[in-house]
Amino acid sequence: MNFNLISHQHKAAMRSPIYGKSIGIKLLMGFIFFIISLELLGFAFFVGTALAKQGGDPLNELLSYFIYFFAAMLILRSLMQKLPTMAAMPYLLLPIKKSRLVNFILTKPLYNILNIIPIIIIVPILIPLSAYLTSGQVLLILASIIICDLFVNYLAIYIKRVQIKYEIVFYIFLLSIVLFGFVDHFNLIDIKSYSASIFQSMIEQPVLLLVPAAMFLGAYFLNYRLLFGNFSLEEFSKGTASAKGSLSKLTYFERFGKIGEFMMLEMKMIVRNKRSRTLLMISPLFALYGLMIYPKPDMLEEIAMIFVIGVFMTGSFMMNYGLYLFSWESAHFDLILTSNSSYLNYLRSKYHLMVLSSLIMYFLVLPYTYFGFTILLVNTVALIFNIGANTFFLLYFACNNNKYMDVSRGAAFNYQGVSSQHFFLMIPLMLLPLILYAPFGIMGYSTLGLAFIGTIGLLGIIFHEKLLIAVTKRFIYKKYKMAEGFRIKS
């Protein structure tokens, strides 16, 4: 029976119209994963060599970082791992036990490509440490890594499934990550010593491996119970009505006329569809990127570096959303073209929505002023440049995208609507301000460089109406080609 189910899934994938059209994207992503794997192998071997050379107790030092590793894997899986699914409705009409179908779905994560990352990292680290370890210790380390990663795997799946219906779960998860980083940064709890103690105990007393094994089985059971109880309920994937209808009570934007109506419709689309909602929920995570850079005093002297980070953080949602600016509405793009509204108002609404998202992200990163006034200055200039320049850059080049996108599908490993231009478009978005700043930075006039970039952004804000008119002409020129492409559903 399981073999037949696997065969059906394979045939469905091979016969899908998406398979042939997305093979280029799959090859590109496969190549990128191959390069990343080689880099991870090299980095892991370097870490193992460094641990072996420093003497002392390299095993204890290695084990002290295991909790950080699994926390990183939990975040990675939560962001990138696709939920295991199958077209279950046809099987419900056949004499197949629902429990068998649920178990089949829950075994699919065991074949996820992310599962090899722990092995790719830990094996090269252990090779230089082989002189300090017995074969039994090596096997126990590998066993603990595999079992704990299985627990993390199914925990991430459970969190993602529950947050579909209760989005508050995502924010609790996000808050937990922030608290973990806060506790670690200010050394409120010695996480490294706890990590070393826990995993050292597993190696010295293998019977303790039953604890993470029980945690894995518990996570599997939670997923099983959740799927079994909601296997054929459509409302589970749609979320609660109150959560999706909350925006209907927001009437503030109605005072802006047609522009406000367009913005309201766009925000409803973002909240009500899985792919756009996922992007909305993960955008605040990009604000945490500063924690990797700002606490290092020497990095604050690199104005160019913190400026690029400022552009990225204040414009994270704007950039990710703007890359597919018209594809989000590809399902009803023809209706937009035939509606009794001006295209200029339509583009104004998108411009103001991107401006609003950048302002929200700016206020989220304001607490980084704690690390210095320079950060506040740089982030302010980055915000002005994003609003006055990058928004129009995205509006202009979004007119070239004519690939259909189903916004109801998940975002993880979903390359529908993605083309090579999206990867290359991110380069000028991030590098253009750096190129503009470079001559001033080389000559040692950092403040003058920031003033120059800020002036460009201010000019874009002052003349935003003229720029929107120019983009509207581009949109009118490209609208028929865009509409033709959006009609091709894959």
Protein backbone atom coordinates (compact mmCIF):
# COMPACT_ATOMS: atom_id res chain seq x y z
CA MET A 1 0.00 0.00 0.00
CA ASN A 2 2.76 2.45 0.91
CA PHE A 3 4.54 1.62 -2.33
CA ASN A 4 1.37 2.42 -4.29
CA LEU A 5 0.98 5.74 -2.48
CA ILE A 6 4.60 6.66 -3.25
CA SER A 7 4.05 5.66 -6.88
CA HIS A 8 0.96 7.88 -7.09
CA GLN A 9 2.81 10.84 -5.60
CA HIS A 10 5.69 10.36 -8.04
CA LYS A 11 3.38 10.16 -11.05
CA ALA A 12 1.45 13.24 -9.92
CA ALA A 13 4.69 15.21 -9.66
CA MET A 14 6.02 14.01 -13.03
CA ARG A 15 2.76 14.68 -14.86
CA SER A 16 2.23 18.12 -13.39
CA PRO A 17 2.49 20.96 -15.96
CA ILE A 18 4.73 22.76 -13.49
CA TYR A 19 7.37 20.01 -13.71
CA GLY A 20 8.59 20.82 -17.21
CA LYS A 21 8.30 24.59 -16.87
CA SER A 22 10.16 24.84 -13.58
CA ILE A 23 12.99 22.44 -14.35
CA GLY A 24 15.36 25.38 -14.94
CA ILE A 25 14.56 26.83 -11.51
CA LYS A 26 15.02 23.38 -9.94
CA LEU A 27 18.42 22.97 -11.58
CA LEU A 28 19.45 26.43 -10.41
CA MET A 29 18.31 25.74 -6.84
CA GLY A 30 20.02 22.35 -6.92
CA PHE A 31 23.27 23.98 -8.02
CA ILE A 32 22.96 26.61 -5.28
CA PHE A 33 22.34 23.89 -2.68
CA PHE A 34 25.38 21.98 -3.97
CA ILE A 35 27.60 25.07 -3.62
CA ILE A 36 26.22 25.77 -0.13
CA SER A 37 26.87 22.14 0.85
CA LEU A 38 30.50 22.41 -0.26
CA GLU A 39 30.89 25.62 1.74
CA LEU A 40 29.34 23.98 4.80
CA LEU A 41 31.70 21.02 4.44
CA GLY A 42 34.71 23.31 4.24
CA PHE A 43 33.55 25.47 7.13
CA ALA A 44 32.79 22.44 9.31
CA PHE A 45 36.22 20.92 8.64
CA PHE A 46 37.83 24.27 9.51
CA VAL A 47 35.88 24.38 12.81
CA GLY A 48 36.92 20.83 13.66
CA THR A 49 40.58 21.61 12.91
CA ALA A 50 40.43 24.75 15.08
CA LEU A 51 38.92 22.79 17.98
CA ALA A 52 41.62 20.09 17.67
CA LYS A 53 44.44 22.66 17.69
CA GLN A 54 43.26 24.63 20.69
CA GLY A 55 43.76 21.65 23.03
CA GLY A 56 41.89 21.33 26.30
CA ASP A 57 38.60 19.45 25.96
CA PRO A 58 37.50 19.93 22.33
CA LEU A 59 34.53 17.57 22.76
CA ASN A 60 33.06 19.68 25.57
CA GLU A 61 33.58 22.82 23.49
CA LEU A 62 31.81 21.22 20.54
CA LEU A 63 28.86 20.00 22.60
CA SER A 64 28.38 23.46 24.13
CA TYR A 65 27.18 24.74 20.73
CA PHE A 66 24.69 21.94 20.00
CA ILE A 67 21.70 23.85 21.41
CA TYR A 68 22.52 26.82 19.17
CA PHE A 69 22.72 24.46 16.22
CA PHE A 70 19.30 22.94 16.86
CA ALA A 71 17.78 26.37 17.49
CA ALA A 72 19.13 27.46 14.10
CA MET A 73 17.74 24.28 12.48
CA LEU A 74 14.32 24.94 14.03
CA ILE A 75 14.28 28.46 12.55
CA LEU A 76 15.56 27.20 9.18
CA ARG A 77 12.92 24.47 8.99
CA SER A 78 10.17 26.85 10.09
CA LEU A 79 11.06 29.26 7.31
CA MET A 80 12.00 26.92 4.47
CA GLN A 81 10.57 23.46 5.01
CA LYS A 82 7.41 22.75 3.07
CA LEU A 83 4.56 21.10 4.95
CA PRO A 84 4.06 17.44 3.90
CA THR A 85 0.78 17.18 2.01
CA MET A 86 -0.99 14.98 -0.50
CA ALA A 87 -4.23 15.08 -2.46
CA ALA A 88 -6.08 12.99 0.13
CA MET A 89 -9.67 13.44 -1.03
CA PRO A 90 -9.63 10.63 -3.67
CA TYR A 91 -8.25 8.15 -1.12
CA LEU A 92 -11.05 8.88 1.36
CA LEU A 93 -13.43 7.20 -1.08
CA LEU A 94 -11.34 4.00 -1.08
CA PRO A 95 -11.12 1.27 1.59
CA ILE A 96 -7.94 2.74 3.06
CA LYS A 97 -7.65 3.52 6.75
CA LYS A 98 -7.28 7.19 7.51
CA SER A 99 -4.54 6.34 10.00
CA ARG A 100 -2.47 4.82 7.18
CA LEU A 101 -2.84 7.97 5.08
CA VAL A 102 -1.89 10.17 8.03
CA ASN A 103 1.18 8.06 8.79
CA PHE A 104 2.16 8.15 5.11
CA ILE A 105 2.00 11.95 5.12
CA LEU A 106 4.03 12.11 8.33
CA THR A 107 6.80 9.90 6.91
CA LYS A 108 7.40 12.30 3.99
CA PRO A 109 9.49 14.72 6.13
CA LEU A 110 12.02 11.92 6.65
CA TYR A 111 13.05 12.36 2.99
CA ASN A 112 13.47 16.15 3.14
CA ILE A 113 16.75 17.46 1.75
CA LEU A 114 17.27 19.57 4.89
CA ASN A 115 17.80 16.34 6.84
CA ILE A 116 21.30 15.93 5.43
CA ILE A 117 22.50 19.31 6.72
CA PRO A 118 23.31 18.02 10.25
CA ILE A 119 25.36 15.16 8.74
CA ILE A 120 27.10 17.54 6.32
CA ILE A 121 28.14 19.71 9.26
CA ILE A 122 28.92 17.21 12.04
CA VAL A 123 30.92 14.60 10.11
CA PRO A 124 33.65 17.02 8.85
CA ILE A 125 33.92 18.45 12.38
CA LEU A 126 34.45 15.00 13.90
CA ILE A 127 37.18 13.98 11.41
CA PRO A 128 39.90 16.28 12.87
CA LEU A 129 38.70 15.36 16.39
CA SER A 130 39.02 11.60 15.81
CA ALA A 131 42.23 11.50 17.88
CA TYR A 132 40.29 12.72 20.93
CA LEU A 133 37.26 10.45 20.49
CA THR A 134 36.56 6.75 20.60
CA SER A 135 34.47 5.07 17.91
CA GLY A 136 31.67 4.65 20.46
CA GLN A 137 31.63 8.36 21.22
CA VAL A 138 31.49 9.20 17.51
CA LEU A 139 28.50 6.88 17.02
CA LEU A 140 26.71 8.33 20.06
CA ILE A 141 27.30 11.90 18.87
CA LEU A 142 25.86 11.01 15.45
CA ALA A 143 22.90 9.24 17.09
CA SER A 144 22.14 12.23 19.34
CA ILE A 145 22.36 14.60 16.37
CA ILE A 146 20.00 12.49 14.24
CA ILE A 147 17.43 11.89 16.99
CA CYS A 148 17.37 15.51 18.13
CA ASP A 149 17.08 16.69 14.54
CA LEU A 150 14.08 14.39 14.04
CA PHE A 151 12.45 16.03 17.04
CA VAL A 152 13.21 19.50 15.66
CA ASN A 153 11.87 18.41 12.25
CA TYR A 154 8.45 17.38 13.56
CA LEU A 155 8.28 20.23 16.06
CA ALA A 156 8.74 22.73 13.20
CA ILE A 157 6.02 20.97 11.19
CA TYR A 158 3.63 21.08 14.14
CA ILE A 159 4.26 24.80 14.72
CA LYS A 160 3.68 25.56 11.04
CA ARG A 161 0.45 23.55 10.95
CA VAL A 162 -0.98 25.12 14.10
CA GLN A 163 -0.12 28.66 13.03
CA ILE A 164 -2.24 28.18 9.87
CA LYS A 165 -5.30 28.35 12.08
CA TYR A 166 -3.92 30.29 15.04
CA GLU A 167 -1.45 32.92 13.83
CA ILE A 168 -0.72 33.89 17.44
CA VAL A 169 1.41 30.72 17.57
CA PHE A 170 3.83 32.28 15.08
CA TYR A 171 4.24 35.39 17.21
CA ILE A 172 4.79 33.26 20.33
CA PHE A 173 7.45 31.35 18.39
CA LEU A 174 9.02 34.63 17.23
CA LEU A 175 8.99 35.98 20.79
CA SER A 176 10.68 32.79 22.01
CA ILE A 177 13.48 33.29 19.49
CA VAL A 178 13.94 36.90 20.60
CA LEU A 179 14.00 35.90 24.27
CA PHE A 180 16.54 33.16 23.53
CA GLY A 181 18.79 35.69 21.78
CA PHE A 182 18.30 38.23 24.60
CA VAL A 183 19.14 35.72 27.34
CA ASP A 184 22.21 34.54 25.46
CA HIS A 185 23.48 38.01 24.54
CA PHE A 186 23.34 39.31 28.09
CA ASN A 187 24.52 36.00 29.64
CA LEU A 188 21.47 35.71 31.89
CA ILE A 189 21.72 31.92 31.58
CA ASP A 190 24.86 30.00 30.70
CA ILE A 191 23.34 28.21 27.72
CA LYS A 192 26.65 26.79 26.55
CA SER A 193 27.32 24.99 29.82
CA TYR A 194 23.79 23.53 29.87
CA SER A 195 24.23 22.35 26.28
CA ALA A 196 27.57 20.69 27.03
CA SER A 197 26.19 19.04 30.17
CA ILE A 198 23.09 17.65 28.44
CA PHE A 199 24.84 16.14 25.43
CA GLN A 200 27.83 14.96 27.48
CA SER A 201 25.38 13.01 29.65
CA MET A 202 23.93 11.34 26.54
CA ILE A 203 27.37 10.25 25.41
CA GLU A 204 28.39 8.94 28.84
CA GLN A 205 25.00 7.28 29.49
CA PRO A 206 23.51 6.14 26.16
CA VAL A 207 20.24 5.23 27.89
CA LEU A 208 19.53 8.98 28.09
CA LEU A 209 19.11 8.98 24.31
CA LEU A 210 15.65 7.66 25.10
CA VAL A 211 14.72 11.18 26.26
CA PRO A 212 15.11 12.90 22.85
CA ALA A 213 13.65 9.75 21.26
CA ALA A 214 10.56 10.15 23.46
CA MET A 215 10.41 13.85 22.53
CA PHE A 216 10.53 12.90 18.84
CA LEU A 217 7.71 10.38 19.30
CA GLY A 218 5.73 13.00 21.23
CA ALA A 219 6.14 15.53 18.39
CA TYR A 220 5.14 12.83 15.88
CA PHE A 221 2.03 12.01 17.94
CA LEU A 222 1.04 15.69 18.15
CA ASN A 223 1.26 15.95 14.36
CA TYR A 224 -0.66 12.68 14.00
CA ARG A 225 -3.47 13.82 16.28
CA LEU A 226 -3.67 17.21 14.56
CA LEU A 227 -3.83 15.69 11.07
CA PHE A 228 -6.17 12.87 12.02
CA GLY A 229 -8.66 15.24 13.61
CA ASN A 230 -8.61 17.72 10.72
CA PHE A 231 -7.90 15.43 7.80
CA SER A 232 -10.91 16.37 5.70
CA LEU A 233 -11.84 19.76 7.16
CA GLU A 234 -11.41 22.61 4.70
CA GLU A 235 -11.69 25.27 7.40
CA PHE A 236 -8.46 24.11 9.03
CA SER A 237 -6.39 25.45 6.14
CA LYS A 238 -8.38 28.64 5.91
CA GLY A 239 -7.90 29.80 9.47
CA THR A 240 -10.46 31.33 11.76
CA ALA A 241 -13.04 33.66 10.32
CA SER A 242 -12.38 36.26 12.98
CA ALA A 243 -8.70 36.40 12.15
CA LYS A 244 -9.34 36.86 8.44
CA GLY A 245 -12.24 39.26 8.87
CA SER A 246 -10.52 41.61 11.29
CA LEU A 247 -9.41 43.93 8.49
CA SER A 248 -13.03 44.54 7.47
CA LYS A 249 -13.39 46.63 10.63
CA LEU A 250 -10.52 48.89 9.59
CA THR A 251 -12.12 51.92 7.92
CA TYR A 252 -9.25 54.40 8.22
CA PHE A 253 -8.13 54.00 4.60
CA GLU A 254 -11.59 54.71 3.20
CA ARG A 255 -10.99 58.45 3.64
CA PHE A 256 -8.33 58.29 0.89
CA GLY A 257 -10.87 57.44 -1.80
CA LYS A 258 -9.88 55.02 -4.57
CA ILE A 259 -6.29 54.83 -3.36
CA GLY A 260 -7.49 53.80 0.09
CA GLU A 261 -9.83 51.19 -1.41
CA PHE A 262 -7.00 49.68 -3.43
CA MET A 263 -4.74 49.62 -0.37
CA MET A 264 -7.48 47.98 1.70
CA LEU A 265 -8.03 45.29 -0.96
CA GLU A 266 -4.30 44.66 -1.17
CA MET A 267 -3.95 44.26 2.60
CA LYS A 268 -6.89 41.87 2.68
CA MET A 269 -5.22 39.85 -0.06
CA ILE A 270 -1.98 39.73 1.93
CA VAL A 271 -3.67 38.54 5.12
CA ARG A 272 -6.06 36.04 3.54
CA ASN A 273 -3.61 34.12 1.33
CA LYS A 274 -0.95 31.72 2.51
CA ARG A 275 2.01 32.84 0.40
CA SER A 276 1.64 36.58 1.04
CA ARG A 277 0.74 36.00 4.70
CA THR A 278 3.91 33.97 5.21
CA LEU A 279 5.94 36.85 3.77
CA LEU A 280 4.18 39.27 6.11
CA MET A 281 4.89 37.11 9.17
CA ILE A 282 8.58 36.49 8.47
CA SER A 283 9.39 40.13 7.60
CA PRO A 284 9.87 41.13 11.29
CA LEU A 285 12.55 38.42 11.51
CA PHE A 286 14.73 40.43 9.13
CA ALA A 287 14.82 43.18 11.76
CA LEU A 288 16.80 40.78 13.95
CA TYR A 289 19.65 40.77 11.46
CA GLY A 290 21.16 43.79 13.18
CA LEU A 291 21.85 41.71 16.29
CA MET A 292 24.53 39.90 14.30
CA ILE A 293 26.37 43.11 13.41
CA TYR A 294 25.63 46.02 15.75
CA PRO A 295 26.92 44.47 19.02
CA LYS A 296 30.42 44.38 17.45
CA PRO A 297 32.05 47.82 17.99
CA ASP A 298 34.52 47.39 15.11
CA MET A 299 31.63 46.81 12.66
CA LEU A 300 30.05 50.18 13.54
CA GLU A 301 33.02 51.89 11.89
CA GLU A 302 32.12 50.23 8.58
CA ILE A 303 29.48 52.73 7.47
CA ALA A 304 29.03 51.03 4.09
CA MET A 305 28.26 47.70 5.77
CA ILE A 306 25.73 49.03 8.26
CA PHE A 307 24.13 51.14 5.51
CA VAL A 308 23.49 48.07 3.35
CA ILE A 309 22.05 46.34 6.43
CA GLY A 310 19.86 49.39 7.05
CA VAL A 311 18.54 49.31 3.47
CA PHE A 312 17.82 45.59 3.83
CA MET A 313 16.08 45.82 7.22
CA THR A 314 13.93 48.89 6.53
CA GLY A 315 13.00 47.57 3.09
CA SER A 316 12.73 43.82 3.74
CA PHE A 317 8.97 43.52 3.20
CA MET A 318 8.95 46.15 0.46
CA MET A 319 11.62 44.33 -1.54
CA ASN A 320 10.25 40.81 -1.12
CA TYR A 321 6.70 41.93 -1.86
CA GLY A 322 7.68 44.35 -4.63
CA LEU A 323 9.54 41.72 -6.64
CA TYR A 324 6.13 40.18 -7.47
CA LEU A 325 4.14 43.42 -7.25
CA PHE A 326 1.57 42.60 -9.96
CA SER A 327 1.88 38.80 -9.83
CA TRP A 328 0.10 38.79 -6.46
CA GLU A 329 -3.04 39.82 -8.37
CA SER A 330 -2.42 37.70 -11.45
CA ALA A 331 -5.59 35.66 -10.84
CA HIS A 332 -7.79 38.73 -11.28
CA PHE A 333 -5.48 41.02 -13.27
CA ASP A 334 -7.99 41.20 -16.16
CA LEU A 335 -10.58 42.57 -13.75
CA ILE A 336 -8.16 45.32 -12.68
CA LEU A 337 -7.56 46.29 -16.31
CA THR A 338 -11.29 46.59 -16.98
CA SER A 339 -12.27 48.31 -13.71
CA ASN A 340 -13.51 51.89 -13.66
CA SER A 341 -10.41 53.20 -11.92
CA SER A 342 -7.33 55.00 -13.18
CA TYR A 343 -4.10 53.07 -13.43
CA LEU A 344 -2.35 55.98 -11.71
CA ASN A 345 -4.45 55.48 -8.55
CA TYR A 346 -3.78 51.74 -8.75
CA LEU A 347 -0.01 52.34 -8.78
CA ARG A 348 -0.31 55.06 -6.14
CA SER A 349 -1.86 52.52 -3.77
CA LYS A 350 1.03 50.12 -4.28
CA TYR A 351 3.54 52.92 -3.75
CA HIS A 352 1.90 54.03 -0.50
CA LEU A 353 1.65 50.43 0.71
CA MET A 354 5.40 49.94 0.21
CA VAL A 355 6.07 53.26 1.93
CA LEU A 356 3.90 52.19 4.87
CA SER A 357 5.72 48.85 5.19
CA SER A 358 9.12 50.60 5.18
CA LEU A 359 7.98 53.00 7.90
CA ILE A 360 6.79 50.10 10.06
CA MET A 361 10.10 48.27 9.60
CA TYR A 362 11.95 51.51 10.44
CA PHE A 363 10.14 51.79 13.77
CA LEU A 364 10.91 48.13 14.48
CA VAL A 365 14.66 48.77 14.12
CA LEU A 366 14.68 52.04 16.13
CA PRO A 367 15.78 50.20 19.33
CA TYR A 368 19.16 49.61 17.63
CA THR A 369 19.89 53.26 18.47
CA TYR A 370 21.04 51.75 21.78
CA PHE A 371 24.27 50.75 19.99
CA GLY A 372 24.96 54.28 18.78
CA PHE A 373 23.47 57.37 17.15
CA THR A 374 25.27 56.47 13.91
CA ILE A 375 22.90 53.54 13.44
CA LEU A 376 19.88 55.83 13.76
CA LEU A 377 21.35 58.21 11.18
CA VAL A 378 22.23 55.44 8.73
CA ASN A 379 18.85 53.70 9.08
CA THR A 380 17.04 57.01 8.53
CA VAL A 381 18.99 57.63 5.31
CA ALA A 382 18.30 54.02 4.26
CA LEU A 383 14.57 54.57 4.86
CA ILE A 384 14.56 57.77 2.77
CA PHE A 385 16.43 56.02 -0.06
CA ASN A 386 14.04 53.05 0.01
CA ILE A 387 11.00 55.32 -0.16
CA GLY A 388 12.39 57.76 -2.72
CA ALA A 389 14.31 55.39 -5.02
CA ASN A 390 13.86 51.66 -4.46
CA THR A 391 10.04 51.86 -4.49
CA PHE A 392 10.08 53.28 -8.03
CA PHE A 393 12.77 50.81 -9.05
CA LEU A 394 10.47 47.97 -7.98
CA LEU A 395 7.37 49.51 -9.60
CA TYR A 396 9.21 49.95 -12.90
CA PHE A 397 10.75 46.50 -13.16
CA ALA A 398 7.69 44.68 -11.77
CA CYS A 399 6.05 45.52 -15.12
CA ASN A 400 8.41 42.97 -16.73
CA ASN A 401 7.04 40.07 -14.69
CA ASN A 402 4.19 38.19 -16.37
CA LYS A 403 4.29 34.84 -14.58
CA TYR A 404 1.12 33.61 -12.90
CA MET A 405 1.20 33.07 -9.13
CA ASP A 406 -1.23 31.13 -6.96
CA VAL A 407 -1.13 33.10 -3.69
CA SER A 408 -3.09 30.41 -1.82
CA ARG A 409 -0.12 28.02 -1.98
CA GLY A 410 2.64 28.03 0.61
CA ALA A 411 5.86 29.99 0.14
CA ALA A 412 8.43 27.34 1.15
CA PHE A 413 10.13 25.75 -1.88
CA ASN A 414 7.42 27.28 -4.07
CA TYR A 415 8.97 28.79 -7.19
CA GLN A 416 5.75 29.54 -9.03
CA GLY A 417 5.95 33.03 -10.45
CA VAL A 418 9.73 33.10 -9.92
CA SER A 419 12.10 33.81 -12.77
CA SER A 420 15.83 34.46 -13.00
CA GLN A 421 15.24 38.23 -13.11
CA HIS A 422 14.04 38.14 -9.50
CA PHE A 423 17.44 36.89 -8.35
CA PHE A 424 19.29 39.52 -10.38
CA LEU A 425 16.92 42.34 -9.42
CA MET A 426 17.95 42.08 -5.76
CA ILE A 427 21.55 42.92 -6.73
CA PRO A 428 20.95 46.55 -7.83
CA LEU A 429 18.47 47.08 -5.00
CA MET A 430 21.22 46.39 -2.48
CA LEU A 431 24.30 47.48 -4.43
CA LEU A 432 23.09 50.73 -6.01
CA PRO A 433 23.21 52.72 -2.75
CA LEU A 434 26.58 51.16 -1.97
CA ILE A 435 27.93 52.22 -5.39
CA LEU A 436 26.63 55.75 -4.83
CA TYR A 437 28.32 55.86 -1.43
CA ALA A 438 31.63 54.25 -2.47
CA PRO A 439 33.44 57.35 -3.86
CA PHE A 440 32.70 59.33 -0.70
CA GLY A 441 33.65 56.41 1.55
CA ILE A 442 36.97 55.90 -0.24
CA MET A 443 37.86 59.59 0.18
CA GLY A 444 36.84 59.48 3.86
CA TYR A 445 33.71 61.64 3.57
CA SER A 446 31.20 59.22 5.05
CA THR A 447 28.77 61.90 6.23
CA LEU A 448 28.82 63.59 2.83
CA GLY A 449 28.15 60.22 1.18
CA LEU A 450 25.12 59.62 3.37
CA ALA A 451 23.90 63.15 2.65
CA PHE A 452 24.23 62.51 -1.10
CA ILE A 453 22.21 59.28 -0.92
CA GLY A 454 19.64 60.91 1.35
CA THR A 455 19.30 63.79 -1.14
CA ILE A 456 18.53 61.32 -3.93
CA GLY A 457 15.86 59.74 -1.77
CA LEU A 458 14.39 63.14 -0.85
CA LEU A 459 14.23 64.17 -4.52
CA GLY A 460 12.36 60.93 -5.24
CA ILE A 461 9.87 61.71 -2.46
CA ILE A 462 9.40 65.33 -3.59
CA PHE A 463 8.84 64.36 -7.24
CA HIS A 464 7.03 61.09 -6.50
CA GLU A 465 3.97 62.14 -8.51
CA LYS A 466 6.00 62.71 -11.68
CA LEU A 467 7.81 59.41 -11.14
CA LEU A 468 4.49 57.61 -10.64
CA ILE A 469 3.20 59.09 -13.90
CA ALA A 470 6.32 57.78 -15.68
CA VAL A 471 5.83 54.32 -14.14
CA THR A 472 2.14 54.41 -15.13
CA LYS A 473 3.15 54.93 -18.77
CA ARG A 474 5.42 51.91 -18.47
CA PHE A 475 2.57 49.90 -16.91
CA ILE A 476 0.17 50.85 -19.74
CA TYR A 477 2.78 49.82 -22.31
CA LYS A 478 3.32 46.43 -20.64
CA LYS A 479 -0.21 45.64 -19.39
CA TYR A 480 -1.31 43.46 -22.31
CA LYS A 481 1.84 41.32 -22.21
CA MET A 482 1.45 40.97 -18.44
CA ALA A 483 -2.21 39.99 -18.77
CA GLU A 484 -1.37 37.42 -21.45
CA GLY A 485 1.27 35.82 -19.22
CA PHE A 486 -0.97 35.81 -16.13
CA ARG A 487 -3.63 33.87 -18.05
CA ILE A 488 -1.22 30.94 -18.43
CA LYS A 489 -1.76 29.06 -15.18
CA SER A 490 0.85 26.43 -14.34
